[in-house]
């Protein structure tokens, strides 16, 4: 309820039922007769909440743009590199990556996070919402960055299906890009071991020779 007039309107019907002035049938008739009014009230309230969320998100994105070192992309996505990694490879749209991430709404509410898990999360860049994907493509392996995403590149006016992200919400992800697992761009050449996995100096499989066999 947004003001005194709305409060009076809602409270009157509730009090009539509570103090027994209306029978059960009377309550049904009241709700039926005021259904359109109640629907309109609910719709107006939902719109006001969404507009408030949109304003808060836009304000945070604008503040983010004013911060030194923040890259503002033409789409409106913001990328702020907090920790510069090894300037390793960047992911491509076809990459799979290993990350830790923490996603919040403009009011600080956490809607998704991998920080409580023992192991980092692996996912394909192509499966991400558009703004998250765009921000990730600007990162290098080893970077930690904050990515700000306008609502139209997140879940839009409808919000997420599970209800964790309301309609109109901008999103903010803190992401640690631990490893680009496939289809990376640039960086040092990646050596493969005999098992086909990324070569680690301390690993036992060794390197592959020109004939494809272990050295």
C-alpha atoms as a PDB file:
ATOM      1  CA  UNK A   1       0.000   0.000   0.000  1.00  0.00           C
ATOM      2  CA  UNK A   2       1.441   3.293  -1.116  1.00  0.00           C
ATOM      3  CA  UNK A   3      -0.654   5.981   0.578  1.00  0.00           C
ATOM      4  CA  UNK A   4      -3.451   6.650   3.069  1.00  0.00           C
ATOM      5  CA  UNK A   5      -6.222   6.407   0.502  1.00  0.00           C
ATOM      6  CA  UNK A   6      -5.118   2.938  -0.576  1.00  0.00           C
ATOM      7  CA  UNK A   7      -4.712   1.881   3.049  1.00  0.00           C
ATOM      8  CA  UNK A   8      -8.253   2.999   3.905  1.00  0.00           C
ATOM      9  CA  UNK A   9      -9.646   1.201   0.876  1.00  0.00           C
ATOM     10  CA  UNK A  10      -7.994  -2.113   1.715  1.00  0.00           C
ATOM     11  CA  UNK A  11      -8.426  -1.888   5.485  1.00  0.00           C
ATOM     12  CA  UNK A  12     -12.198  -1.214   5.312  1.00  0.00           C
ATOM     13  CA  UNK A  13     -12.926  -4.465   3.520  1.00  0.00           C
ATOM     14  CA  UNK A  14     -10.671  -6.420   5.877  1.00  0.00           C
ATOM     15  CA  UNK A  15     -12.226  -4.936   8.996  1.00  0.00           C
ATOM     16  CA  UNK A  16     -15.758  -5.614   7.765  1.00  0.00           C
ATOM     17  CA  UNK A  17     -14.896  -9.282   7.474  1.00  0.00           C
ATOM     18  CA  UNK A  18     -12.924  -9.461  10.746  1.00  0.00           C
ATOM     19  CA  UNK A  19     -15.581  -7.918  13.001  1.00  0.00           C
ATOM     20  CA  UNK A  20     -18.264 -10.141  11.559  1.00  0.00           C
ATOM     21  CA  UNK A  21     -20.284  -7.563   9.699  1.00  0.00           C
ATOM     22  CA  UNK A  22     -20.122  -9.747   6.600  1.00  0.00           C
ATOM     23  CA  UNK A  23     -21.118 -13.368   6.299  1.00  0.00           C
ATOM     24  CA  UNK A  24     -19.018 -15.722   4.214  1.00  0.00           C
ATOM     25  CA  UNK A  25     -21.350 -15.122   1.288  1.00  0.00           C
ATOM     26  CA  UNK A  26     -21.073 -11.393   1.885  1.00  0.00           C
ATOM     27  CA  UNK A  27     -17.307 -11.564   1.781  1.00  0.00           C
ATOM     28  CA  UNK A  28     -17.467 -13.428  -1.550  1.00  0.00           C
ATOM     29  CA  UNK A  29     -19.816 -10.806  -2.952  1.00  0.00           C
ATOM     30  CA  UNK A  30     -17.584  -7.973  -1.702  1.00  0.00           C
ATOM     31  CA  UNK A  31     -14.499  -9.436  -3.317  1.00  0.00           C
ATOM     32  CA  UNK A  32     -16.402 -10.090  -6.514  1.00  0.00           C
ATOM     33  CA  UNK A  33     -17.783  -6.557  -6.686  1.00  0.00           C
ATOM     34  CA  UNK A  34     -14.415  -4.945  -5.982  1.00  0.00           C
ATOM     35  CA  UNK A  35     -12.341  -7.396  -8.043  1.00  0.00           C
ATOM     36  CA  UNK A  36     -11.508  -4.895 -10.766  1.00  0.00           C
ATOM     37  CA  UNK A  37     -10.557  -2.254  -8.196  1.00  0.00           C
ATOM     38  CA  UNK A  38      -8.304  -4.700  -6.371  1.00  0.00           C
ATOM     39  CA  UNK A  39      -6.680  -5.889  -9.612  1.00  0.00           C
ATOM     40  CA  UNK A  40      -6.007  -2.296 -10.614  1.00  0.00           C
ATOM     41  CA  UNK A  41      -4.538  -1.540  -7.197  1.00  0.00           C
ATOM     42  CA  UNK A  42      -2.258  -4.589  -7.370  1.00  0.00           C
ATOM     43  CA  UNK A  43      -1.132  -3.724 -10.918  1.00  0.00           C
ATOM     44  CA  UNK A  44      -0.389  -0.112  -9.984  1.00  0.00           C
ATOM     45  CA  UNK A  45       1.560  -1.212  -6.937  1.00  0.00           C
ATOM     46  CA  UNK A  46       3.572  -3.758  -8.965  1.00  0.00           C
ATOM     47  CA  UNK A  47       4.405  -1.088 -11.551  1.00  0.00           C
ATOM     48  CA  UNK A  48       5.596   1.302  -8.848  1.00  0.00           C
ATOM     49  CA  UNK A  49       7.824  -1.364  -7.338  1.00  0.00           C
ATOM     50  CA  UNK A  50       9.323  -2.186 -10.753  1.00  0.00           C
ATOM     51  CA  UNK A  51       9.918   1.497 -11.509  1.00  0.00           C
ATOM     52  CA  UNK A  52      11.671   1.903  -8.153  1.00  0.00           C
ATOM     53  CA  UNK A  53      13.883  -1.111  -8.884  1.00  0.00           C
ATOM     54  CA  UNK A  54      14.685   0.247 -12.357  1.00  0.00           C
ATOM     55  CA  UNK A  55      15.679   3.655 -10.959  1.00  0.00           C
ATOM     56  CA  UNK A  56      17.914   2.091  -8.313  1.00  0.00           C
ATOM     57  CA  UNK A  57      19.659  -0.086 -10.883  1.00  0.00           C
ATOM     58  CA  UNK A  58      20.171   2.757 -13.342  1.00  0.00           C
ATOM     59  CA  UNK A  59      21.592   4.942 -10.597  1.00  0.00           C
ATOM     60  CA  UNK A  60      24.097   2.248  -9.608  1.00  0.00           C
ATOM     61  CA  UNK A  61      25.127   1.704 -13.229  1.00  0.00           C
ATOM     62  CA  UNK A  62      25.694   5.445 -13.711  1.00  0.00           C
ATOM     63  CA  UNK A  63      27.746   5.618 -10.522  1.00  0.00           C
ATOM     64  CA  UNK A  64      29.746   2.640 -11.722  1.00  0.00           C
ATOM     65  CA  UNK A  65      30.500   4.418 -15.020  1.00  0.00           C
ATOM     66  CA  UNK A  66      31.929   7.374 -13.108  1.00  0.00           C
ATOM     67  CA  UNK A  67      34.421   5.132 -11.298  1.00  0.00           C
ATOM     68  CA  UNK A  68      37.977   5.249 -12.592  1.00  0.00           C
ATOM     69  CA  UNK A  69      38.937   2.219 -14.643  1.00  0.00           C
ATOM     70  CA  UNK A  70      35.404   1.133 -15.497  1.00  0.00           C
ATOM     71  CA  UNK A  71      34.793   0.158 -19.114  1.00  0.00           C
ATOM     72  CA  UNK A  72      31.309   1.121 -20.321  1.00  0.00           C
ATOM     73  CA  UNK A  73      30.342  -0.851 -23.422  1.00  0.00           C
ATOM     74  CA  UNK A  74      28.009   0.528 -26.137  1.00  0.00           C
ATOM     75  CA  UNK A  75      25.252  -1.788 -24.885  1.00  0.00           C
ATOM     76  CA  UNK A  76      25.406  -0.245 -21.398  1.00  0.00           C
ATOM     77  CA  UNK A  77      27.198  -3.165 -19.754  1.00  0.00           C
ATOM     78  CA  UNK A  78      29.906  -2.007 -17.325  1.00  0.00           C
ATOM     79  CA  UNK A  79      33.100  -3.951 -16.600  1.00  0.00           C
ATOM     80  CA  UNK A  80      35.385  -2.966 -13.732  1.00  0.00           C
ATOM     81  CA  UNK A  81      38.564  -5.043 -13.448  1.00  0.00           C
ATOM     82  CA  UNK A  82      39.321  -5.330  -9.734  1.00  0.00           C
ATOM     83  CA  UNK A  83      42.286  -7.696  -9.952  1.00  0.00           C
ATOM     84  CA  UNK A  84      44.335  -7.946 -13.119  1.00  0.00           C
ATOM     85  CA  UNK A  85      45.324 -11.539 -13.798  1.00  0.00           C
ATOM     86  CA  UNK A  86      48.157 -12.884 -15.884  1.00  0.00           C
ATOM     87  CA  UNK A  87      46.830 -11.408 -19.158  1.00  0.00           C
ATOM     88  CA  UNK A  88      46.045 -14.945 -20.134  1.00  0.00           C
ATOM     89  CA  UNK A  89      43.557 -15.907 -22.830  1.00  0.00           C
ATOM     90  CA  UNK A  90      40.140 -14.302 -23.132  1.00  0.00           C
ATOM     91  CA  UNK A  91      37.085 -16.517 -23.571  1.00  0.00           C
ATOM     92  CA  UNK A  92      35.214 -16.517 -26.863  1.00  0.00           C
ATOM     93  CA  UNK A  93      31.481 -17.035 -27.363  1.00  0.00           C
ATOM     94  CA  UNK A  94      32.278 -20.735 -27.880  1.00  0.00           C
ATOM     95  CA  UNK A  95      34.331 -21.097 -24.680  1.00  0.00           C
ATOM     96  CA  UNK A  96      33.672 -22.991 -21.507  1.00  0.00           C
ATOM     97  CA  UNK A  97      35.093 -21.359 -18.377  1.00  0.00           C
ATOM     98  CA  UNK A  98      35.762 -22.115 -14.731  1.00  0.00           C
ATOM     99  CA  UNK A  99      34.713 -19.309 -12.381  1.00  0.00           C
ATOM    100  CA  UNK A 100      33.606 -18.198  -8.967  1.00  0.00           C
ATOM    101  CA  UNK A 101      30.864 -15.581  -9.054  1.00  0.00           C
ATOM    102  CA  UNK A 102      28.525 -13.614  -6.808  1.00  0.00           C
ATOM    103  CA  UNK A 103      25.338 -12.030  -8.207  1.00  0.00           C
ATOM    104  CA  UNK A 104      23.387  -9.248  -6.468  1.00  0.00           C
ATOM    105  CA  UNK A 105      20.395  -6.999  -7.107  1.00  0.00           C
ATOM    106  CA  UNK A 106      20.677  -3.185  -6.802  1.00  0.00           C
ATOM    107  CA  UNK A 107      19.670  -3.345  -3.108  1.00  0.00           C
ATOM    108  CA  UNK A 108      22.433  -5.849  -2.363  1.00  0.00           C
ATOM    109  CA  UNK A 109      20.204  -8.928  -2.246  1.00  0.00           C
ATOM    110  CA  UNK A 110      22.156 -12.031  -3.309  1.00  0.00           C
ATOM    111  CA  UNK A 111      20.223 -13.951  -5.947  1.00  0.00           C
ATOM    112  CA  UNK A 112      22.943 -16.382  -7.043  1.00  0.00           C
ATOM    113  CA  UNK A 113      26.450 -17.258  -5.888  1.00  0.00           C
ATOM    114  CA  UNK A 114      29.058 -19.998  -6.129  1.00  0.00           C
ATOM    115  CA  UNK A 115      30.985 -18.810  -3.080  1.00  0.00           C
ATOM    116  CA  UNK A 116      29.425 -21.367  -0.760  1.00  0.00           C
ATOM    117  CA  UNK A 117      30.586 -24.232  -2.948  1.00  0.00           C
ATOM    118  CA  UNK A 118      33.863 -26.064  -2.508  1.00  0.00           C
ATOM    119  CA  UNK A 119      34.660 -26.125  -6.220  1.00  0.00           C
ATOM    120  CA  UNK A 120      34.415 -23.360  -8.850  1.00  0.00           C
ATOM    121  CA  UNK A 121      31.564 -23.504 -11.353  1.00  0.00           C
ATOM    122  CA  UNK A 122      32.063 -24.495 -14.980  1.00  0.00           C
ATOM    123  CA  UNK A 123      29.703 -23.183 -17.648  1.00  0.00           C
ATOM    124  CA  UNK A 124      29.548 -22.380 -21.351  1.00  0.00           C
ATOM    125  CA  UNK A 125      29.706 -18.665 -22.223  1.00  0.00           C
ATOM    126  CA  UNK A 126      26.983 -19.168 -24.819  1.00  0.00           C
ATOM    127  CA  UNK A 127      24.433 -20.171 -22.164  1.00  0.00           C
ATOM    128  CA  UNK A 128      24.667 -16.909 -20.190  1.00  0.00           C
ATOM    129  CA  UNK A 129      22.231 -13.987 -20.239  1.00  0.00           C
ATOM    130  CA  UNK A 130      23.361 -11.431 -22.866  1.00  0.00           C
ATOM    131  CA  UNK A 131      24.893  -8.849 -20.517  1.00  0.00           C
ATOM    132  CA  UNK A 132      26.816 -11.422 -18.464  1.00  0.00           C
ATOM    133  CA  UNK A 133      28.136 -12.995 -21.659  1.00  0.00           C
ATOM    134  CA  UNK A 134      29.245  -9.606 -23.020  1.00  0.00           C
ATOM    135  CA  UNK A 135      31.065  -8.732 -19.809  1.00  0.00           C
ATOM    136  CA  UNK A 136      32.801 -12.105 -19.569  1.00  0.00           C
ATOM    137  CA  UNK A 137      34.157 -11.729 -23.116  1.00  0.00           C
ATOM    138  CA  UNK A 138      36.113  -8.661 -21.941  1.00  0.00           C
ATOM    139  CA  UNK A 139      37.911 -10.553 -19.172  1.00  0.00           C
ATOM    140  CA  UNK A 140      41.201 -12.429 -19.222  1.00  0.00           C
ATOM    141  CA  UNK A 141      41.984 -15.660 -17.438  1.00  0.00           C
ATOM    142  CA  UNK A 142      43.045 -14.747 -13.907  1.00  0.00           C
ATOM    143  CA  UNK A 143      41.013 -11.509 -13.761  1.00  0.00           C
ATOM    144  CA  UNK A 144      38.492 -10.611 -11.081  1.00  0.00           C
ATOM    145  CA  UNK A 145      35.913  -8.077 -12.248  1.00  0.00           C
ATOM    146  CA  UNK A 146      32.592  -6.486 -11.368  1.00  0.00           C
ATOM    147  CA  UNK A 147      30.091  -6.634 -14.232  1.00  0.00           C
ATOM    148  CA  UNK A 148      27.063  -4.309 -14.189  1.00  0.00           C
ATOM    149  CA  UNK A 149      24.191  -5.364 -16.451  1.00  0.00           C
ATOM    150  CA  UNK A 150      21.172  -3.226 -17.467  1.00  0.00           C
ATOM    151  CA  UNK A 151      17.842  -4.991 -17.028  1.00  0.00           C
ATOM    152  CA  UNK A 152      17.189  -5.271 -20.768  1.00  0.00           C
ATOM    153  CA  UNK A 153      20.337  -7.400 -21.068  1.00  0.00           C
ATOM    154  CA  UNK A 154      19.428  -9.453 -17.988  1.00  0.00           C
ATOM    155  CA  UNK A 155      15.865 -10.707 -17.364  1.00  0.00           C
ATOM    156  CA  UNK A 156      13.947  -7.671 -18.657  1.00  0.00           C
ATOM    157  CA  UNK A 157      10.537  -6.505 -17.420  1.00  0.00           C
ATOM    158  CA  UNK A 158       9.318 -10.015 -16.566  1.00  0.00           C
ATOM    159  CA  UNK A 159      12.181 -11.007 -14.272  1.00  0.00           C
ATOM    160  CA  UNK A 160      13.536 -14.534 -13.901  1.00  0.00           C
ATOM    161  CA  UNK A 161      11.225 -17.541 -14.100  1.00  0.00           C
ATOM    162  CA  UNK A 162      12.122 -18.651 -10.556  1.00  0.00           C
ATOM    163  CA  UNK A 163      11.238 -15.222  -9.145  1.00  0.00           C
ATOM    164  CA  UNK A 164      14.655 -14.501  -7.665  1.00  0.00           C
ATOM    165  CA  UNK A 165      15.216 -11.563 -10.031  1.00  0.00           C
ATOM    166  CA  UNK A 166      12.287  -9.105 -10.167  1.00  0.00           C
ATOM    167  CA  UNK A 167      11.262  -7.404 -13.386  1.00  0.00           C
ATOM    168  CA  UNK A 168      13.292  -4.346 -14.338  1.00  0.00           C
ATOM    169  CA  UNK A 169      16.276  -5.240 -12.147  1.00  0.00           C
ATOM    170  CA  UNK A 170      19.833  -4.433 -13.172  1.00  0.00           C
ATOM    171  CA  UNK A 171      22.278  -7.106 -12.059  1.00  0.00           C
ATOM    172  CA  UNK A 172      25.777  -6.935 -10.637  1.00  0.00           C
ATOM    173  CA  UNK A 173      28.195  -9.864 -10.797  1.00  0.00           C
ATOM    174  CA  UNK A 174      31.567 -10.116  -9.114  1.00  0.00           C
ATOM    175  CA  UNK A 175      33.418 -12.733 -11.150  1.00  0.00           C
ATOM    176  CA  UNK A 176      36.774 -14.458 -10.755  1.00  0.00           C
ATOM    177  CA  UNK A 177      37.711 -16.016 -14.097  1.00  0.00           C
ATOM    178  CA  UNK A 178      39.847 -18.908 -12.945  1.00  0.00           C
ATOM    179  CA  UNK A 179      40.389 -20.702 -16.232  1.00  0.00           C
ATOM    180  CA  UNK A 180      39.366 -20.602 -19.879  1.00  0.00           C
ATOM    181  CA  UNK A 181      38.817 -24.283 -20.570  1.00  0.00           C
ATOM    182  CA  UNK A 182      38.238 -24.167 -24.323  1.00  0.00           C
ATOM    183  CA  UNK A 183      38.190 -21.908 -27.393  1.00  0.00           C
ATOM    184  CA  UNK A 184      40.167 -19.104 -25.758  1.00  0.00           C
ATOM    185  CA  UNK A 185      41.543 -16.068 -27.604  1.00  0.00           C
ATOM    186  CA  UNK A 186      45.143 -14.912 -27.213  1.00  0.00           C
ATOM    187  CA  UNK A 187      47.400 -15.592 -24.260  1.00  0.00           C
ATOM    188  CA  UNK A 188      50.256 -18.072 -24.236  1.00  0.00           C
ATOM    189  CA  UNK A 189      49.944 -21.289 -26.247  1.00  0.00           C
ATOM    190  CA  UNK A 190      48.244 -24.080 -24.355  1.00  0.00           C
ATOM    191  CA  UNK A 191      50.163 -27.373 -24.258  1.00  0.00           C
ATOM    192  CA  UNK A 192      48.190 -30.595 -24.059  1.00  0.00           C
ATOM    193  CA  UNK A 193      49.289 -33.667 -22.192  1.00  0.00           C
ATOM    194  CA  UNK A 194      48.988 -37.217 -23.454  1.00  0.00           C
ATOM    195  CA  UNK A 195      45.549 -37.427 -21.842  1.00  0.00           C
ATOM    196  CA  UNK A 196      44.358 -34.474 -23.937  1.00  0.00           C
ATOM    197  CA  UNK A 197      44.086 -32.178 -20.927  1.00  0.00           C
ATOM    198  CA  UNK A 198      45.885 -28.910 -20.281  1.00  0.00           C
ATOM    199  CA  UNK A 199      49.520 -29.690 -19.466  1.00  0.00           C
ATOM    200  CA  UNK A 200      50.692 -29.098 -15.927  1.00  0.00           C
ATOM    201  CA  UNK A 201      54.446 -29.172 -15.283  1.00  0.00           C
ATOM    202  CA  UNK A 202      53.883 -31.446 -12.363  1.00  0.00           C
ATOM    203  CA  UNK A 203      51.535 -33.822 -14.140  1.00  0.00           C
ATOM    204  CA  UNK A 204      52.596 -37.309 -15.174  1.00  0.00           C
ATOM    205  CA  UNK A 205      51.105 -37.826 -18.690  1.00  0.00           C
ATOM    206  CA  UNK A 206      53.817 -35.667 -20.388  1.00  0.00           C
ATOM    207  CA  UNK A 207      53.696 -33.950 -23.780  1.00  0.00           C
ATOM    208  CA  UNK A 208      52.614 -35.278 -27.130  1.00  0.00           C
ATOM    209  CA  UNK A 209      55.176 -35.658 -29.883  1.00  0.00           C
ATOM    210  CA  UNK A 210      54.738 -34.770 -33.563  1.00  0.00           C
ATOM    211  CA  UNK A 211      53.322 -38.273 -34.177  1.00  0.00           C
ATOM    212  CA  UNK A 212      50.654 -37.767 -31.536  1.00  0.00           C
ATOM    213  CA  UNK A 213      52.299 -40.160 -29.088  1.00  0.00           C
ATOM    214  CA  UNK A 214      53.586 -39.323 -25.602  1.00  0.00           C
ATOM    215  CA  UNK A 215      57.173 -38.039 -25.516  1.00  0.00           C
END
